Amino acid sequence: MNAPVAHQPPCGGIDLRQEQGQRAVFCGLTGIVWLHRKIQDAFFLVVGSRTCAHLIQSAAGVMIFAEPRFATAIIDERDLAGLADANEELDRVVTRLIERRPDIKLLFLVGSCPSEVIKLDLSRAAQRLSGRLNPVRVLNYSGSGIETTFTQGEDACLAALVPDLPREADAAVPSLLVVGALADVVEDQFLRIFAAMGIVDVRFLPARRSGAMPAIGRGTRYLLAQPFLTDTARALEERGARRLPAPFPLGAEGTTGWLRAAAEAFGVSDEAFEAATAPGRARAGTAVAPHRDRLAGKRVFFFPDSQLEVPLARFLARELGAELVEVGTPYLHRGHLAAEIEWLPLGTRVTEGQSLDDQMDRCRAARPDLTICGLGLANPLEAEGLSTKWSIELLFTPVQGYEQAGDLAELFVRPLRRRALLEV
């Protein structure tokens, strides 16, 4: 029996549909792979099973020359059977960890499916351990994949940080907060552009070190750098911050729209904005041009996985000339994605949610030139002769901003080039 497909009320000019059924996504534990690189004195302790440990190690690769700042406190059969005191075991593991790694200033206890099955209260454990391990701060969030997709791990992590952020003193001049984990090099590029526009009080969440987390208050204006930070945005607004509506900084067009939202909010003149952004736009256009020749007219199909699908589809269609067969996304936040929805080609089919079998049937029938999907779907589709791009790679790779526009385009070209080399 096919899962029902519901047509949604009009949303921009897109053909929006909603599906329910079986899904194929990674869990939120995967976000640790990029978050532990971002917050340099934080440690992520997954409270989970050996399967959780294998997942994180596989996603992160083998780290030989540096000790990673993540690990798994293993829940085994006796814990699941209630034969062991899980809180006592957790306290023992955390104490030993802090003794071994005195460089840790912020510890995240990351929940998983097994810890939720035995109803281990990590919130209370974090409060207990924070009091005992002072000055090490201990926070918790859920990385369980039972009802979420993998990028929601970052959302849960950042949302856990917000209540403890310092309170910003009321000031006549507002501050700008960029929200979402970005590579350090991308942050530095954005800082230079903001400074050229005359916006000097710019902060980032998360900061590179736990002691430098930004202050938040009624004077905070924030830009989302990622479209999947729903809970974080809500938490920030509860602290008095205000979101600047904007597209997302993918490609030259998205980056320009994102920067313009800040410029308008902070009273930057058109002349100053043009001077600050024109060189980057020109470099991005030059970098993207050769990839447009390869992608123009190519038919692209998105499976729902990362919540990056809508802005990526906009980039492919408008800057690279690709044709969008279907844009699947786990969840469509109408407010945060309003600018992106307006920029999608008229009539673009956007599917919110997933009925995996039905969507696989549509993909097979369409035979797209390129399919963006999770790792679990890539191998079977490749075996059927379809070119695929792993959506998770777009989170591991710096892709935001003018300087990365060519790199982002090249990520989509690479599987097409590989397929061409393999053809006999």
Foldseek 3Di string as FASTA:
>chain_A
DAWDKAFDPDFAQAREIETDADDDFDWQLCVCLQVQQQAPQEAEEEAEAVVSQVVNCVSNDDDDPDDGRYGYLHDDDCVLVVNDDVLVSVVVVVVVVCVVCVSHQEYEYEYEPSCVSSPPPVQVSQVVVVVVVPPRHYWYFYRYRPPDHHQVSQLRVLLRCLVVAAADDDDPAAAEEEEDRADPVVVVLVQQLCVLLVRNRYYYPPHRHPVPGHHAALRYEYEYQDLNNVSNVVSRVVRNYHYQAAAHQFALVRVLRRVVSVCVVRVRDPVSNCVSRVVLSVLLLVLCVVLLVQAAAFEEEEAAHNQCQLVVQLCCCPVNNHHYPEGEHQADDSRNCSVSSNSHPRHHHYYHRDHDVVVVVVCVVVLTQEYEEAPVVQVVVVVVVHFYAHPVVVVVDRRGGSVNNSVSSVSRVVSNVVSVVPDD
